[in-house]
């Protein structure tokens, strides 16, 4: 029943052997040998246990010397720390600069808050944390001193010094 049928081998299954250049241009396939009966050729082509087509000649890779010296390309993914967790105290600094700018401490706090934002953009987490601490310190100092001065002003307005 298989008389006159041309047998073409399947491409090899699994990982092909050799470098990319050798795999891209496979060697010419030999014709099926006339010694093989059609039933044995079907068995060779349909066998799942073989790693390659047994009808294809085993040709060593001519690029094996290059293959040993080539390095595998790698992909480097840089993961930056999450800088959104660093608080820059920007609104508090603006409030201190506009309303409670005691001895220019609100302006200094605003400057450090802007430095925190710049360092967050540059992914300098340690510098951003240090400048955030400094901005917080200046904001606390400015708010406390300004509040203390406002309380003193109200006290002196309520009880003038002439009464003592």
N, C-alpha and C. Protein backbone atom coordinates (compact mmCIF):
# COMPACT_ATOMS: atom_id res chain seq x y z
N UNK A 1 0.80 -1.20 0.00
CA UNK A 1 0.00 0.00 0.00
C UNK A 1 0.85 1.27 0.00
N UNK A 2 2.14 1.20 0.42
CA UNK A 2 2.98 2.39 0.48
C UNK A 2 3.92 2.50 -0.70
N UNK A 3 3.66 1.83 -1.79
CA UNK A 3 4.53 1.85 -2.94
C UNK A 3 4.49 3.23 -3.60
N UNK A 4 5.65 3.80 -3.90
CA UNK A 4 5.74 5.06 -4.61
C UNK A 4 5.49 6.28 -3.75
N UNK A 5 5.39 6.10 -2.47
CA UNK A 5 5.14 7.23 -1.58
C UNK A 5 6.48 7.82 -1.17
N UNK A 6 6.63 9.13 -1.27
CA UNK A 6 7.87 9.79 -0.86
C UNK A 6 7.79 10.10 0.62
N UNK A 7 8.78 9.68 1.36
CA UNK A 7 8.81 9.90 2.80
C UNK A 7 9.62 11.14 3.11
N UNK A 8 9.04 12.03 3.84
CA UNK A 8 9.77 13.21 4.30
C UNK A 8 9.84 13.17 5.81
N UNK A 9 11.02 13.30 6.37
CA UNK A 9 11.12 13.22 7.83
C UNK A 9 10.56 14.47 8.49
N UNK A 10 10.07 14.28 9.72
CA UNK A 10 9.58 15.39 10.50
C UNK A 10 10.75 16.19 11.04
N UNK A 11 10.52 17.46 11.38
CA UNK A 11 11.59 18.20 12.06
C UNK A 11 11.82 17.59 13.44
N UNK A 12 13.03 17.70 13.96
CA UNK A 12 13.32 17.08 15.25
C UNK A 12 12.52 17.73 16.36
N UNK A 13 12.13 16.90 17.35
CA UNK A 13 11.40 17.41 18.51
C UNK A 13 12.38 17.64 19.64
N UNK A 14 11.99 18.47 20.56
CA UNK A 14 12.87 18.78 21.68
C UNK A 14 13.82 19.91 21.31
N UNK A 15 14.87 20.06 22.07
CA UNK A 15 15.82 21.13 21.82
C UNK A 15 16.81 20.68 20.76
N UNK A 16 16.96 21.45 19.68
CA UNK A 16 17.92 21.08 18.65
C UNK A 16 19.34 21.27 19.18
N UNK A 17 20.23 20.44 18.64
CA UNK A 17 21.63 20.49 19.06
C UNK A 17 22.40 21.47 18.19
N UNK A 18 23.37 22.16 18.76
CA UNK A 18 24.21 23.07 17.99
C UNK A 18 23.89 24.51 18.30
N UNK A 19 24.61 25.40 17.66
CA UNK A 19 24.41 26.82 17.90
C UNK A 19 23.30 27.35 16.99
N UNK A 20 22.97 28.60 17.16
CA UNK A 20 21.88 29.19 16.41
C UNK A 20 22.16 29.19 14.91
N UNK A 21 23.41 29.41 14.53
CA UNK A 21 23.75 29.45 13.11
C UNK A 21 23.55 28.08 12.48
N UNK A 22 23.95 27.03 13.19
CA UNK A 22 23.79 25.69 12.64
C UNK A 22 22.33 25.27 12.61
N UNK A 23 21.55 25.70 13.59
CA UNK A 23 20.14 25.31 13.63
C UNK A 23 19.36 26.07 12.57
N UNK A 24 19.72 27.33 12.36
CA UNK A 24 18.98 28.14 11.39
C UNK A 24 19.15 27.61 9.97
N UNK A 25 20.30 27.03 9.68
CA UNK A 25 20.54 26.47 8.35
C UNK A 25 20.87 25.00 8.53
N UNK A 26 19.84 24.15 8.62
CA UNK A 26 20.11 22.73 8.85
C UNK A 26 20.76 22.09 7.64
N UNK A 27 21.52 21.02 7.87
CA UNK A 27 22.14 20.33 6.73
C UNK A 27 21.05 19.69 5.88
N UNK A 28 21.40 19.45 4.65
CA UNK A 28 20.44 18.87 3.72
C UNK A 28 20.05 17.47 4.20
N UNK A 29 18.79 17.18 4.09
CA UNK A 29 18.28 15.89 4.54
C UNK A 29 18.57 14.83 3.48
N UNK A 30 18.99 13.69 3.98
CA UNK A 30 19.20 12.58 3.05
C UNK A 30 17.86 11.95 2.71
N UNK A 31 17.81 11.34 1.59
CA UNK A 31 16.62 10.58 1.23
C UNK A 31 16.58 9.34 2.11
N UNK A 32 15.40 8.87 2.38
CA UNK A 32 15.27 7.67 3.19
C UNK A 32 15.96 6.52 2.49
N UNK A 33 16.70 5.76 3.26
CA UNK A 33 17.46 4.67 2.63
C UNK A 33 16.49 3.61 2.13
N UNK A 34 16.80 3.00 0.99
CA UNK A 34 15.89 1.99 0.44
C UNK A 34 15.86 0.73 1.28
N UNK A 35 16.82 0.55 2.18
CA UNK A 35 16.85 -0.65 3.01
C UNK A 35 15.69 -0.63 4.00
N UNK A 36 15.27 0.59 4.43
CA UNK A 36 14.20 0.69 5.41
C UNK A 36 12.86 0.35 4.77
N UNK A 37 12.11 -0.42 5.47
CA UNK A 37 10.76 -0.70 5.00
C UNK A 37 9.88 0.47 5.41
N UNK A 38 8.76 0.67 4.74
CA UNK A 38 7.89 1.78 5.10
C UNK A 38 7.40 1.71 6.54
N UNK A 39 7.15 0.52 7.06
CA UNK A 39 6.67 0.43 8.43
C UNK A 39 7.75 0.86 9.42
N UNK A 40 9.02 0.53 9.18
CA UNK A 40 10.08 0.96 10.09
C UNK A 40 10.33 2.45 9.97
N UNK A 41 10.16 3.04 8.78
CA UNK A 41 10.32 4.48 8.62
C UNK A 41 9.22 5.22 9.37
N UNK A 42 8.01 4.66 9.33
CA UNK A 42 6.92 5.28 10.09
C UNK A 42 7.26 5.22 11.57
N UNK A 43 7.80 4.09 12.03
CA UNK A 43 8.16 3.97 13.44
C UNK A 43 9.23 4.99 13.83
N UNK A 44 10.21 5.21 12.94
CA UNK A 44 11.27 6.17 13.25
C UNK A 44 10.72 7.59 13.30
N UNK A 45 9.78 7.89 12.42
CA UNK A 45 9.25 9.25 12.39
C UNK A 45 8.25 9.50 13.51
N UNK A 46 7.54 8.48 13.95
CA UNK A 46 6.49 8.68 14.93
C UNK A 46 6.94 8.40 16.36
N UNK A 47 8.15 7.97 16.53
CA UNK A 47 8.61 7.62 17.87
C UNK A 47 8.79 8.87 18.71
N UNK A 48 8.19 8.89 19.88
CA UNK A 48 8.29 10.05 20.77
C UNK A 48 9.55 9.98 21.64
N UNK A 49 10.14 8.80 21.76
CA UNK A 49 11.26 8.65 22.67
C UNK A 49 12.57 9.17 22.07
N UNK A 50 12.65 9.27 20.76
CA UNK A 50 13.90 9.74 20.18
C UNK A 50 13.97 11.26 20.25
N UNK A 51 15.17 11.79 20.44
CA UNK A 51 15.33 13.24 20.59
C UNK A 51 15.44 13.94 19.24
N UNK A 52 15.79 13.25 18.24
CA UNK A 52 15.91 13.87 16.93
C UNK A 52 15.49 12.89 15.87
N UNK A 53 15.47 13.33 14.69
CA UNK A 53 15.09 12.48 13.58
C UNK A 53 16.27 11.59 13.25
N UNK A 54 16.07 10.30 13.25
CA UNK A 54 17.19 9.40 13.01
C UNK A 54 17.61 9.40 11.55
N UNK A 55 16.80 9.95 10.67
CA UNK A 55 17.18 10.01 9.26
C UNK A 55 18.10 11.18 8.97
N UNK A 56 18.16 12.14 9.87
CA UNK A 56 19.04 13.29 9.69
C UNK A 56 20.44 12.92 10.17
N UNK A 57 21.45 13.19 9.38
CA UNK A 57 22.81 12.84 9.80
C UNK A 57 23.25 13.72 10.96
N UNK A 58 23.98 13.15 11.88
CA UNK A 58 24.50 13.89 13.02
C UNK A 58 25.73 14.67 12.57
N UNK A 59 25.61 15.99 12.49
CA UNK A 59 26.71 16.84 12.07
C UNK A 59 27.15 17.65 13.28
N UNK A 60 28.42 17.56 13.64
CA UNK A 60 28.87 18.37 14.78
C UNK A 60 28.83 19.85 14.44
N UNK A 61 28.64 20.65 15.43
CA UNK A 61 28.55 22.09 15.24
C UNK A 61 29.94 22.63 14.91
N UNK A 62 30.03 23.32 13.81
CA UNK A 62 31.33 23.90 13.44
C UNK A 62 31.64 25.16 14.23
N UNK A 63 30.67 25.65 14.98
CA UNK A 63 30.87 26.84 15.77
C UNK A 63 31.12 26.51 17.24
N UNK A 64 31.53 25.28 17.54
CA UNK A 64 31.69 24.87 18.92
C UNK A 64 32.78 25.66 19.64
N UNK A 65 33.81 26.10 18.90
CA UNK A 65 34.85 26.91 19.53
C UNK A 65 34.28 28.27 19.93
N UNK A 66 33.46 28.87 19.05
CA UNK A 66 32.84 30.15 19.37
C UNK A 66 31.83 29.99 20.51
N UNK A 67 31.17 28.86 20.51
CA UNK A 67 30.13 28.64 21.50
C UNK A 67 30.69 28.62 22.91
N UNK A 68 31.89 28.10 23.07
CA UNK A 68 32.50 28.04 24.39
C UNK A 68 32.95 29.41 24.87
N UNK A 69 33.33 30.26 23.96
CA UNK A 69 33.83 31.57 24.37
C UNK A 69 32.72 32.60 24.51
N UNK A 70 31.56 32.35 23.93
CA UNK A 70 30.47 33.31 24.01
C UNK A 70 29.82 33.22 25.38
N UNK A 71 29.38 34.34 25.88
CA UNK A 71 28.67 34.35 27.16
C UNK A 71 27.18 34.46 26.90
N UNK A 72 26.42 33.96 27.81
CA UNK A 72 24.98 34.06 27.66
C UNK A 72 24.53 35.48 27.96
N UNK A 73 23.69 36.04 27.12
CA UNK A 73 23.20 37.39 27.42
C UNK A 73 22.28 37.35 28.63
N UNK A 74 22.39 38.35 29.46
CA UNK A 74 21.55 38.42 30.64
C UNK A 74 20.75 39.71 30.62
N UNK A 75 19.63 39.68 31.28
CA UNK A 75 18.79 40.86 31.41
C UNK A 75 18.89 41.34 32.84
N UNK A 76 19.22 42.60 33.02
CA UNK A 76 19.35 43.18 34.35
C UNK A 76 18.15 44.07 34.59
N UNK A 77 17.41 43.78 35.64
CA UNK A 77 16.27 44.60 36.02
C UNK A 77 16.61 45.27 37.33
N UNK A 78 16.67 46.58 37.31
CA UNK A 78 16.99 47.32 38.53
C UNK A 78 15.70 47.62 39.27
N UNK A 79 15.66 47.21 40.52
CA UNK A 79 14.49 47.45 41.35
C UNK A 79 14.86 48.52 42.35
N UNK A 80 14.20 49.64 42.25
CA UNK A 80 14.48 50.75 43.14
C UNK A 80 13.59 50.66 44.38
N UNK A 81 14.08 51.12 45.49
CA UNK A 81 13.23 51.09 46.69
C UNK A 81 12.04 52.03 46.52
N UNK A 82 10.99 51.71 47.22
CA UNK A 82 9.76 52.51 47.11
C UNK A 82 9.97 53.84 47.84
N UNK A 83 10.07 54.92 47.08
CA UNK A 83 10.33 56.24 47.67
C UNK A 83 9.04 56.98 48.00
N UNK A 84 7.89 56.37 47.73
CA UNK A 84 6.64 57.06 48.04
C UNK A 84 6.37 57.08 49.53
N UNK A 85 7.06 56.23 50.29
CA UNK A 85 6.83 56.17 51.73
C UNK A 85 7.56 57.28 52.48
N UNK A 86 8.49 57.97 51.84
CA UNK A 86 9.23 59.04 52.49
C UNK A 86 8.35 60.30 52.45
N UNK A 87 8.03 60.82 53.63
CA UNK A 87 7.18 62.01 53.71
C UNK A 87 8.06 63.25 53.53
N UNK A 88 7.63 64.17 52.68
CA UNK A 88 8.45 65.37 52.44
C UNK A 88 7.97 66.60 53.22
N UNK A 89 6.85 66.50 53.91
CA UNK A 89 6.31 67.59 54.74
C UNK A 89 6.18 68.90 53.95
N UNK A 90 5.79 68.79 52.70
CA UNK A 90 5.74 69.94 51.81
C UNK A 90 4.64 70.93 52.21
N UNK A 91 3.44 70.43 52.47
CA UNK A 91 2.33 71.34 52.82
C UNK A 91 2.57 72.03 54.17
N UNK A 92 3.11 71.28 55.11
CA UNK A 92 3.43 71.86 56.41
C UNK A 92 4.49 72.94 56.27
N UNK A 93 5.46 72.72 55.38
CA UNK A 93 6.51 73.71 55.14
C UNK A 93 5.96 74.97 54.49
N UNK A 94 5.04 74.79 53.55
CA UNK A 94 4.43 75.96 52.91
C UNK A 94 3.62 76.76 53.94
N UNK A 95 2.86 76.07 54.78
CA UNK A 95 2.09 76.75 55.81
C UNK A 95 3.02 77.53 56.75
N UNK A 96 4.12 76.89 57.18
CA UNK A 96 5.07 77.57 58.06
C UNK A 96 5.74 78.75 57.36
N UNK A 97 6.02 78.59 56.07
CA UNK A 97 6.68 79.67 55.33
C UNK A 97 5.74 80.87 55.17
N UNK A 98 4.47 80.62 54.91
CA UNK A 98 3.54 81.71 54.67
C UNK A 98 3.04 82.34 55.97
N UNK A 99 2.67 81.53 56.94
CA UNK A 99 2.01 82.06 58.14
C UNK A 99 2.90 82.13 59.37
N UNK A 100 3.78 81.16 59.59
CA UNK A 100 4.53 81.08 60.83
C UNK A 100 6.04 81.13 60.56
N UNK A 101 6.48 82.02 59.73
CA UNK A 101 7.88 82.05 59.32
C UNK A 101 8.72 82.74 60.40
N UNK A 102 8.88 82.06 61.51
CA UNK A 102 9.63 82.62 62.63
C UNK A 102 11.12 82.49 62.35
N UNK A 103 11.82 83.60 62.26
CA UNK A 103 13.26 83.65 61.99
C UNK A 103 13.65 82.85 60.75
N UNK A 104 12.82 82.87 59.74
CA UNK A 104 13.06 82.17 58.46
C UNK A 104 13.16 80.66 58.61
N UNK A 105 12.68 80.09 59.71
CA UNK A 105 12.71 78.65 59.87
C UNK A 105 11.72 77.96 58.92
N UNK A 106 10.62 78.62 58.59
CA UNK A 106 9.67 78.07 57.62
C UNK A 106 10.28 77.99 56.23
N UNK A 107 11.09 78.99 55.88
CA UNK A 107 11.76 78.98 54.57
C UNK A 107 12.80 77.86 54.51
N UNK A 108 13.54 77.64 55.58
CA UNK A 108 14.54 76.56 55.60
C UNK A 108 13.84 75.20 55.52
N UNK A 109 12.72 75.06 56.23
CA UNK A 109 11.95 73.81 56.16
C UNK A 109 11.44 73.57 54.74
N UNK A 110 10.98 74.64 54.07
CA UNK A 110 10.52 74.51 52.68
C UNK A 110 11.66 74.10 51.76
N UNK A 111 12.84 74.65 51.97
CA UNK A 111 14.00 74.28 51.15
C UNK A 111 14.33 72.80 51.31
N UNK A 112 14.31 72.31 52.55
CA UNK A 112 14.59 70.89 52.77
C UNK A 112 13.47 70.00 52.21
N UNK A 113 12.26 70.46 52.26
CA UNK A 113 11.17 69.68 51.67
C UNK A 113 11.34 69.54 50.16
N UNK A 114 11.79 70.59 49.52
CA UNK A 114 12.06 70.52 48.08
C UNK A 114 13.24 69.60 47.79
N UNK A 115 14.25 69.61 48.67
CA UNK A 115 15.38 68.69 48.50
C UNK A 115 14.93 67.24 48.62
N UNK A 116 13.96 66.97 49.51
CA UNK A 116 13.44 65.61 49.66
C UNK A 116 12.77 65.18 48.36
N UNK A 117 11.98 66.06 47.77
CA UNK A 117 11.32 65.71 46.50
C UNK A 117 12.33 65.45 45.39
N UNK A 118 13.39 66.24 45.32
CA UNK A 118 14.41 66.02 44.30
C UNK A 118 15.12 64.68 44.51
N UNK A 119 15.44 64.37 45.75
CA UNK A 119 16.14 63.11 46.02
C UNK A 119 15.24 61.90 45.81
N UNK A 120 13.94 62.07 46.00
CA UNK A 120 13.01 60.99 45.69
C UNK A 120 12.99 60.72 44.18
N UNK A 121 13.07 61.76 43.39
CA UNK A 121 13.11 61.58 41.93
C UNK A 121 14.39 60.91 41.48
N UNK A 122 15.49 61.17 42.20
CA UNK A 122 16.78 60.57 41.86
C UNK A 122 16.97 59.20 42.51
N UNK A 123 15.95 58.70 43.22
CA UNK A 123 15.98 57.42 43.91
C UNK A 123 17.10 57.34 44.94
N UNK A 124 17.40 58.46 45.58
CA UNK A 124 18.36 58.49 46.68
C UNK A 124 17.57 58.40 47.97
N UNK A 125 17.28 57.16 48.40
CA UNK A 125 16.40 56.95 49.53
C UNK A 125 17.03 57.43 50.84
N UNK A 126 18.32 57.15 51.04
CA UNK A 126 18.97 57.55 52.29
C UNK A 126 19.03 59.07 52.43
N UNK A 127 19.39 59.76 51.35
CA UNK A 127 19.43 61.22 51.39
C UNK A 127 18.06 61.82 51.58
N UNK A 128 17.04 61.22 50.97
CA UNK A 128 15.67 61.73 51.12
C UNK A 128 15.18 61.56 52.56
N UNK A 129 15.53 60.44 53.18
CA UNK A 129 15.11 60.23 54.57
C UNK A 129 15.78 61.24 55.50
N UNK A 130 17.08 61.47 55.29
CA UNK A 130 17.81 62.43 56.14
C UNK A 130 17.26 63.85 55.98
N UNK A 131 17.01 64.27 54.74
CA UNK A 131 16.47 65.61 54.52
C UNK A 131 15.03 65.72 55.02
N UNK A 132 14.27 64.61 54.99
CA UNK A 132 12.91 64.64 55.53
C UNK A 132 12.94 64.84 57.04
N UNK A 133 13.90 64.20 57.69
CA UNK A 133 14.04 64.39 59.15
C UNK A 133 14.40 65.84 59.47
N UNK A 134 15.29 66.42 58.66
CA UNK A 134 15.68 67.82 58.87
C UNK A 134 14.51 68.76 58.63
N UNK A 135 13.74 68.51 57.55
CA UNK A 135 12.57 69.35 57.26
C UNK A 135 11.55 69.25 58.39
N UNK A 136 11.35 68.04 58.90
CA UNK A 136 10.42 67.87 60.02
C UNK A 136 10.88 68.61 61.27
N UNK A 137 12.18 68.55 61.52
CA UNK A 137 12.74 69.26 62.68
C UNK A 137 12.52 70.77 62.56
N UNK A 138 12.82 71.33 61.38
CA UNK A 138 12.63 72.77 61.18
C UNK A 138 11.15 73.14 61.23
N UNK A 139 10.27 72.27 60.72
CA UNK A 139 8.84 72.54 60.79
C UNK A 139 8.34 72.54 62.23
N UNK A 140 8.80 71.57 63.01
CA UNK A 140 8.39 71.52 64.42
C UNK A 140 8.90 72.75 65.16
N UNK A 141 10.17 73.11 64.93
CA UNK A 141 10.75 74.27 65.61
C UNK A 141 10.03 75.55 65.22
N UNK A 142 9.78 75.72 63.93
CA UNK A 142 9.11 76.93 63.45
C UNK A 142 7.69 77.01 64.01
N UNK A 143 6.96 75.90 64.00
CA UNK A 143 5.59 75.90 64.51
C UNK A 143 5.56 76.17 66.01
N UNK A 144 6.48 75.53 66.74
CA UNK A 144 6.49 75.71 68.20
C UNK A 144 6.85 77.13 68.58
N UNK A 145 7.91 77.69 67.96
CA UNK A 145 8.32 79.05 68.30
C UNK A 145 7.27 80.08 67.89
N UNK A 146 6.68 79.89 66.72
CA UNK A 146 5.64 80.83 66.27
C UNK A 146 4.41 80.74 67.16
N UNK A 147 4.02 79.53 67.55
CA UNK A 147 2.88 79.38 68.45
C UNK A 147 3.17 80.00 69.81
N UNK A 148 4.38 79.80 70.32
CA UNK A 148 4.79 80.40 71.59
C UNK A 148 4.73 81.92 71.51
N UNK A 149 5.21 82.49 70.41
CA UNK A 149 5.18 83.96 70.23
C UNK A 149 3.74 84.47 70.14
N UNK A 150 2.87 83.76 69.45
CA UNK A 150 1.47 84.17 69.32
C UNK A 150 0.79 84.13 70.69
N UNK A 151 1.08 83.11 71.47
CA UNK A 151 0.50 83.02 72.82
C UNK A 151 1.00 84.18 73.68
N UNK A 152 2.31 84.50 73.58
CA UNK A 152 2.85 85.64 74.33
C UNK A 152 2.19 86.95 73.91
N UNK A 153 1.95 87.13 72.65
CA UNK A 153 1.31 88.36 72.16
C UNK A 153 -0.10 88.46 72.73
N UNK A 154 -0.88 87.37 72.71
CA UNK A 154 -2.22 87.41 73.28
C UNK A 154 -2.20 87.69 74.79
N UNK A 155 -1.22 87.12 75.47
CA UNK A 155 -1.11 87.38 76.91
C UNK A 155 -0.81 88.85 77.17
N UNK A 156 0.13 89.41 76.42
CA UNK A 156 0.47 90.82 76.61
C UNK A 156 -0.64 91.76 76.15
N UNK A 157 -1.43 91.33 75.18
CA UNK A 157 -2.59 92.16 74.80
C UNK A 157 -3.68 92.11 75.86
N UNK A 158 -3.86 91.00 76.48
CA UNK A 158 -4.88 90.86 77.50
C UNK A 158 -4.44 91.57 78.81
N UNK A 159 -3.16 91.36 79.14
CA UNK A 159 -2.63 91.97 80.36
C UNK A 159 -1.44 92.85 79.98
N UNK A 160 -1.67 94.09 79.70
CA UNK A 160 -0.56 94.96 79.30
C UNK A 160 0.44 95.14 80.45
N UNK A 161 1.66 95.53 80.13
CA UNK A 161 2.73 95.70 81.12
C UNK A 161 2.49 96.91 82.02
N UNK A 162 1.67 97.83 81.64
CA UNK A 162 1.42 99.01 82.44
C UNK A 162 0.64 98.70 83.71
N UNK A 163 -0.05 97.56 83.72
CA UNK A 163 -0.83 97.18 84.89
C UNK A 163 0.06 96.66 86.04
N UNK A 164 1.27 96.27 85.77
CA UNK A 164 2.12 95.69 86.80
C UNK A 164 2.82 96.75 87.55
